[in-house]
């Protein structure tokens, strides 16, 4: 018992060096990336989704219902450290990462569908992210204990997600609707630049925490990699089960497997005071899923769509 308590204290005492100025930069970077994505989204994209309700249903089912539910079941089975478990729930509750659009195109998926699903997921995550974290976290006693100690404020969580994702989405689409040509020109510059800034921030944070990662990465590497691979598989076979074509299937897989680790990290620092286990897991996820996305997109991009089972 003493050994277990000692290990728990060590894990939750891990501090990711990420000061308030860097946190604001990450806030701004995620908002700008979302704004850049929104500049390529029109009302017609949503209309196309509504005309294909099965695709919309599968995307929402895979990302916001099955992934959090299966993550919860996995936690029950493997019983990770409570803060790692809550970190996994946080990642599963987040919407798809914006780089999923790039990876879907690279993989030979349906890029237009990916952008549309990202937009729709961003809209509903304003409600679904806080709900899933609170709902699943409260069902598991060890994570519920953490939620009770931090007094998670659902309203503040809702406000932050709206500020970082919802508002940039609204204004980006507004500009696209009223000034389509200008939006296209801005998007061509803004999306790659904002993505480079975001990646640069990740590498700066990594360099500042190299010792932390070196000393503790073994604690989360299995959880993150297996969780991420499972998310890809879940998205892929959920789409296949509903009879979607291979381009749409790859897109759903990418949207499910590439989660917004940056947003998860922001929420962890904003509401959980950078809780060691949660922050370590989310930080590694943010790095790993970019790497895994590149690998999977490259592999799929080189394969003929008809040859993928």
Protein backbone atom coordinates (compact mmCIF):
# COMPACT_ATOMS: atom_id res chain seq x y z
CA UNK A 1 0.00 0.00 0.00
CA UNK A 2 2.79 2.44 0.88
CA UNK A 3 4.55 1.65 -2.39
CA UNK A 4 1.34 2.28 -4.35
CA UNK A 5 0.73 5.61 -2.60
CA UNK A 6 4.32 6.65 -3.24
CA UNK A 7 4.02 5.86 -6.94
CA UNK A 8 0.75 7.83 -7.17
CA UNK A 9 2.33 10.86 -5.48
CA UNK A 10 5.29 10.70 -7.86
CA UNK A 11 3.06 10.56 -10.91
CA UNK A 12 0.79 13.42 -9.88
CA UNK A 13 3.80 15.46 -8.81
CA UNK A 14 5.14 15.44 -12.39
CA UNK A 15 5.18 19.02 -13.64
CA UNK A 16 5.09 19.88 -17.32
CA UNK A 17 6.96 23.17 -17.77
CA UNK A 18 4.36 25.25 -19.57
CA UNK A 19 3.93 28.82 -18.34
CA UNK A 20 0.92 31.10 -18.78
CA UNK A 21 2.38 32.94 -21.79
CA UNK A 22 2.97 29.65 -23.64
CA UNK A 23 -0.54 28.54 -22.70
CA UNK A 24 -1.98 31.68 -24.28
CA UNK A 25 0.13 31.12 -27.38
CA UNK A 26 -1.26 27.59 -27.62
CA UNK A 27 -4.77 29.03 -27.16
CA UNK A 28 -4.20 31.48 -29.98
CA UNK A 29 -2.55 28.89 -32.24
CA UNK A 30 -5.49 26.46 -31.90
CA UNK A 31 -7.98 29.29 -32.50
CA UNK A 32 -6.10 30.46 -35.61
CA UNK A 33 -5.86 26.90 -36.96
CA UNK A 34 -9.62 26.52 -36.45
CA UNK A 35 -10.19 29.88 -38.15
CA UNK A 36 -8.05 28.74 -41.09
CA UNK A 37 -10.04 25.50 -41.38
CA UNK A 38 -13.31 27.46 -41.20
CA UNK A 39 -12.24 29.69 -44.10
CA UNK A 40 -12.54 26.60 -46.29
CA UNK A 41 -16.00 25.66 -45.00
CA UNK A 42 -19.24 26.83 -46.55
CA UNK A 43 -22.88 26.39 -45.63
CA UNK A 44 -23.08 23.97 -48.56
CA UNK A 45 -20.68 21.62 -46.72
CA UNK A 46 -23.21 21.26 -43.91
CA UNK A 47 -26.02 20.85 -46.44
CA UNK A 48 -24.09 18.00 -48.08
CA UNK A 49 -23.68 16.32 -44.71
CA UNK A 50 -27.39 16.69 -43.97
CA UNK A 51 -28.17 15.15 -47.36
CA UNK A 52 -26.05 12.14 -46.33
CA UNK A 53 -27.31 11.55 -42.79
CA UNK A 54 -25.70 8.10 -42.61
CA UNK A 55 -22.18 9.56 -42.96
CA UNK A 56 -22.96 12.24 -40.39
CA UNK A 57 -24.43 9.66 -38.00
CA UNK A 58 -21.39 7.35 -38.38
CA UNK A 59 -18.95 10.22 -37.80
CA UNK A 60 -20.71 11.35 -34.63
CA UNK A 61 -21.27 7.77 -33.43
CA UNK A 62 -17.62 6.80 -33.85
CA UNK A 63 -16.06 9.93 -32.42
CA UNK A 64 -18.39 11.13 -29.67
CA UNK A 65 -20.15 7.96 -28.52
CA UNK A 66 -18.16 4.81 -29.28
CA UNK A 67 -14.67 6.19 -28.60
CA UNK A 68 -15.49 7.58 -25.13
CA UNK A 69 -17.52 4.47 -24.26
CA UNK A 70 -14.81 2.05 -25.41
CA UNK A 71 -12.16 4.14 -23.64
CA UNK A 72 -14.17 3.78 -20.45
CA UNK A 73 -14.39 0.00 -20.90
CA UNK A 74 -10.64 -0.21 -21.57
CA UNK A 75 -9.95 1.73 -18.37
CA UNK A 76 -12.15 -0.66 -16.39
CA UNK A 77 -10.13 -3.59 -17.77
CA UNK A 78 -6.55 -2.28 -17.51
CA UNK A 79 -7.05 -0.06 -14.44
CA UNK A 80 -4.40 2.59 -15.17
CA UNK A 81 -3.38 5.23 -12.65
CA UNK A 82 -6.41 7.51 -12.01
CA UNK A 83 -4.86 10.62 -13.58
CA UNK A 84 -3.80 8.59 -16.63
CA UNK A 85 -7.35 7.24 -16.86
CA UNK A 86 -8.81 10.75 -16.72
CA UNK A 87 -6.28 11.85 -19.33
CA UNK A 88 -7.50 9.07 -21.63
CA UNK A 89 -11.09 10.18 -21.03
CA UNK A 90 -10.12 13.79 -21.79
CA UNK A 91 -8.53 12.82 -25.11
CA UNK A 92 -11.52 10.65 -26.06
CA UNK A 93 -13.88 13.53 -25.22
CA UNK A 94 -12.05 16.03 -27.46
CA UNK A 95 -13.06 16.63 -31.10
CA UNK A 96 -10.90 15.51 -33.99
CA UNK A 97 -7.63 17.35 -34.49
CA UNK A 98 -7.47 19.83 -37.36
CA UNK A 99 -4.54 17.97 -38.96
CA UNK A 100 -7.00 15.16 -39.72
CA UNK A 101 -8.08 17.17 -42.80
CA UNK A 102 -4.54 17.17 -44.16
CA UNK A 103 -4.01 13.48 -43.36
CA UNK A 104 -7.35 12.49 -44.95
CA UNK A 105 -6.33 14.18 -48.19
CA UNK A 106 -2.86 12.62 -47.99
CA UNK A 107 -4.40 9.16 -47.43
CA UNK A 108 -6.66 9.39 -50.46
CA UNK A 109 -9.74 9.85 -48.31
CA UNK A 110 -12.63 12.26 -48.76
CA UNK A 111 -11.02 15.63 -47.91
CA UNK A 112 -14.27 17.58 -48.29
CA UNK A 113 -16.01 15.17 -45.90
CA UNK A 114 -13.13 15.50 -43.43
CA UNK A 115 -13.40 19.30 -43.35
CA UNK A 116 -17.18 19.12 -43.01
CA UNK A 117 -16.98 16.58 -40.18
CA UNK A 118 -14.34 18.69 -38.42
CA UNK A 119 -16.67 21.68 -38.60
CA UNK A 120 -19.67 19.71 -37.35
CA UNK A 121 -17.61 18.02 -34.62
CA UNK A 122 -16.36 21.45 -33.49
CA UNK A 123 -19.94 22.65 -33.17
CA UNK A 124 -21.20 19.73 -31.13
CA UNK A 125 -18.01 19.33 -29.05
CA UNK A 126 -18.92 22.59 -27.32
CA UNK A 127 -21.51 20.45 -25.55
CA UNK A 128 -20.23 16.90 -26.05
CA UNK A 129 -16.65 17.39 -24.77
CA UNK A 130 -17.69 18.67 -21.32
CA UNK A 131 -20.54 16.14 -21.19
CA UNK A 132 -18.40 13.11 -22.08
CA UNK A 133 -15.62 14.06 -19.66
CA UNK A 134 -18.07 14.60 -16.80
CA UNK A 135 -20.30 11.62 -17.61
CA UNK A 136 -17.66 8.91 -18.11
CA UNK A 137 -15.30 10.37 -15.52
CA UNK A 138 -17.99 10.29 -12.84
CA UNK A 139 -18.82 6.61 -13.55
CA UNK A 140 -15.32 5.42 -12.59
CA UNK A 141 -14.65 5.91 -8.88
CA UNK A 142 -10.90 6.81 -9.08
CA UNK A 143 -11.49 9.47 -11.77
CA UNK A 144 -14.65 10.71 -10.08
CA UNK A 145 -12.54 11.39 -6.98
CA UNK A 146 -10.28 13.66 -9.07
CA UNK A 147 -13.26 15.44 -10.64
CA UNK A 148 -14.67 16.13 -7.18
CA UNK A 149 -11.39 17.56 -5.87
CA UNK A 150 -10.94 19.96 -8.80
CA UNK A 151 -14.59 21.04 -8.78
CA UNK A 152 -14.87 20.95 -12.56
CA UNK A 153 -16.99 23.90 -13.68
CA UNK A 154 -19.03 22.78 -16.68
CA UNK A 155 -19.96 26.37 -17.60
CA UNK A 156 -16.34 27.55 -17.66
CA UNK A 157 -15.36 24.48 -19.68
CA UNK A 158 -18.14 25.25 -22.15
CA UNK A 159 -16.97 28.89 -22.41
CA UNK A 160 -13.35 27.91 -23.10
CA UNK A 161 -14.26 25.39 -25.82
CA UNK A 162 -16.58 27.98 -27.39
CA UNK A 163 -13.86 30.65 -27.30
CA UNK A 164 -11.11 28.46 -28.76
CA UNK A 165 -13.14 26.52 -31.35
CA UNK A 166 -16.67 27.88 -31.74
CA UNK A 167 -15.96 31.60 -32.30
CA UNK A 168 -13.13 31.08 -34.84
CA UNK A 169 -15.39 28.61 -36.68
CA UNK A 170 -18.24 31.13 -36.81
CA UNK A 171 -16.16 34.06 -38.07
CA UNK A 172 -14.21 31.94 -40.54
CA UNK A 173 -17.43 30.65 -42.09
CA UNK A 174 -18.90 34.17 -42.05
CA UNK A 175 -15.97 35.50 -44.08
CA UNK A 176 -16.17 32.51 -46.42
CA UNK A 177 -19.88 33.17 -46.99
CA UNK A 178 -19.55 36.91 -47.66
CA UNK A 179 -16.06 37.18 -49.15
CA UNK A 180 -15.34 33.79 -50.69
CA UNK A 181 -12.37 34.83 -52.85
CA UNK A 182 -10.68 36.70 -50.00
CA UNK A 183 -11.26 33.72 -47.70
CA UNK A 184 -9.57 31.39 -50.21
CA UNK A 185 -6.53 33.68 -50.45
CA UNK A 186 -6.21 34.01 -46.67
CA UNK A 187 -6.66 30.26 -46.19
CA UNK A 188 -3.79 29.42 -48.55
CA UNK A 189 -1.40 31.39 -46.35
CA UNK A 190 -2.96 31.01 -42.91
CA UNK A 191 -3.41 27.24 -42.73
CA UNK A 192 0.21 26.20 -43.38
CA UNK A 193 1.63 29.08 -41.31
CA UNK A 194 -0.65 28.43 -38.32
CA UNK A 195 0.12 24.70 -38.51
CA UNK A 196 3.87 25.40 -38.50
CA UNK A 197 3.45 27.70 -35.48
CA UNK A 198 1.46 25.01 -33.68
CA UNK A 199 4.11 22.35 -34.41
CA UNK A 200 6.82 24.80 -33.33
CA UNK A 201 5.04 25.34 -30.01
CA UNK A 202 4.88 21.58 -29.46
CA UNK A 203 8.60 21.20 -30.11
CA UNK A 204 9.44 24.15 -27.84
CA UNK A 205 7.35 22.58 -25.09
CA UNK A 206 9.04 19.23 -25.76
CA UNK A 207 12.54 20.74 -25.56
CA UNK A 208 11.67 22.44 -22.27
CA UNK A 209 10.37 19.16 -20.89
CA UNK A 210 12.86 16.76 -22.41
CA UNK A 211 13.97 15.47 -19.00
CA UNK A 212 10.36 14.99 -17.89
CA UNK A 213 9.58 12.97 -21.02
CA UNK A 214 12.81 10.97 -20.80
CA UNK A 215 12.18 10.04 -17.18
CA UNK A 216 8.46 9.34 -17.39
CA UNK A 217 7.49 8.55 -20.97
CA UNK A 218 7.56 4.82 -20.26
CA UNK A 219 4.57 5.32 -17.96
CA UNK A 220 2.24 6.44 -20.78
CA UNK A 221 3.76 5.18 -24.04
CA UNK A 222 1.75 1.93 -24.08
CA UNK A 223 -1.50 3.69 -23.09
CA UNK A 224 -1.18 6.40 -25.73
CA UNK A 225 -0.06 4.21 -28.64
CA UNK A 226 -2.60 1.43 -27.98
CA UNK A 227 -5.40 3.97 -27.40
CA UNK A 228 -4.55 5.78 -30.64
CA UNK A 229 -4.31 2.60 -32.73
CA UNK A 230 -7.59 1.39 -31.28
CA UNK A 231 -9.25 4.71 -32.23
CA UNK A 232 -8.15 4.33 -35.86
CA UNK A 233 -9.44 0.74 -35.93
CA UNK A 234 -12.71 1.74 -34.27
CA UNK A 235 -13.34 4.50 -36.79
CA UNK A 236 -12.41 2.31 -39.76
CA UNK A 237 -14.55 -0.69 -38.88
CA UNK A 238 -17.48 1.40 -37.65
CA UNK A 239 -17.58 3.03 -41.10
CA UNK A 240 -17.20 -0.35 -42.86
CA UNK A 241 -20.00 -1.83 -40.75
CA UNK A 242 -22.34 0.87 -42.07
CA UNK A 243 -21.27 0.20 -45.66
CA UNK A 244 -19.44 3.45 -46.39
CA UNK A 245 -17.10 3.52 -49.38
CA UNK A 246 -13.35 3.27 -48.80
CA UNK A 247 -12.66 7.01 -49.15
CA UNK A 248 -15.28 7.86 -46.52
CA UNK A 249 -14.12 4.95 -44.34
CA UNK A 250 -10.54 6.24 -44.27
CA UNK A 251 -11.86 9.70 -43.44
CA UNK A 252 -13.91 8.45 -40.49
CA UNK A 253 -10.85 6.52 -39.26
CA UNK A 254 -8.71 9.67 -39.40
CA UNK A 255 -11.37 11.79 -37.71
CA UNK A 256 -11.64 9.24 -34.88
CA UNK A 257 -7.91 8.54 -34.47
CA UNK A 258 -6.61 12.12 -34.66
CA UNK A 259 -7.89 13.80 -31.51
CA UNK A 260 -7.26 17.41 -30.54
CA UNK A 261 -4.51 16.84 -27.95
CA UNK A 262 -3.74 20.56 -27.89
CA UNK A 263 -7.26 21.35 -26.70
CA UNK A 264 -7.02 18.53 -24.15
CA UNK A 265 -3.78 20.01 -22.80
CA UNK A 266 -5.39 23.45 -22.53
CA UNK A 267 -8.31 22.03 -20.56
CA UNK A 268 -5.95 20.10 -18.29
CA UNK A 269 -3.93 23.22 -17.47
CA UNK A 270 -7.04 25.39 -17.25
CA UNK A 271 -9.14 23.16 -14.99
CA UNK A 272 -6.84 20.54 -13.47
CA UNK A 273 -3.81 22.71 -12.69
CA UNK A 274 -1.64 20.66 -15.05
CA UNK A 275 -2.25 17.41 -13.13
CA UNK A 276 0.88 15.33 -13.74
CA UNK A 277 -0.55 12.12 -15.17
CA UNK A 278 -3.16 13.86 -17.31
CA UNK A 279 -0.71 16.44 -18.69
CA UNK A 280 1.96 13.85 -19.48
CA UNK A 281 -0.49 11.63 -21.34
CA UNK A 282 -2.10 14.48 -23.32
CA UNK A 283 1.28 16.01 -24.19
CA UNK A 284 2.59 12.71 -25.56
CA UNK A 285 -0.70 12.12 -27.42
CA UNK A 286 -0.34 15.52 -29.13
CA UNK A 287 3.06 14.47 -30.46
CA UNK A 288 2.30 10.81 -31.16
CA UNK A 289 -0.93 11.18 -33.17
CA UNK A 290 0.77 13.55 -35.62
CA UNK A 291 3.47 10.92 -36.12
CA UNK A 292 0.98 8.04 -36.42
CA UNK A 293 -1.22 10.09 -38.74
CA UNK A 294 1.71 10.69 -41.10
CA UNK A 295 2.56 6.97 -41.12
CA UNK A 296 -1.02 5.82 -41.73
CA UNK A 297 -1.76 8.50 -44.34
CA UNK A 298 1.47 7.67 -46.20
CA UNK A 299 0.67 3.94 -46.17
CA UNK A 300 -2.92 4.44 -47.35
CA UNK A 301 -1.84 7.03 -49.92
CA UNK A 302 0.42 4.46 -51.58
CA UNK A 303 -2.22 1.74 -51.63
CA UNK A 304 -5.03 1.54 -54.12
CA UNK A 305 -8.36 2.20 -52.42
CA UNK A 306 -9.74 -1.07 -53.71
CA UNK A 307 -6.92 -3.06 -52.09
CA UNK A 308 -7.58 -1.92 -48.52
CA UNK A 309 -9.54 -4.38 -46.46
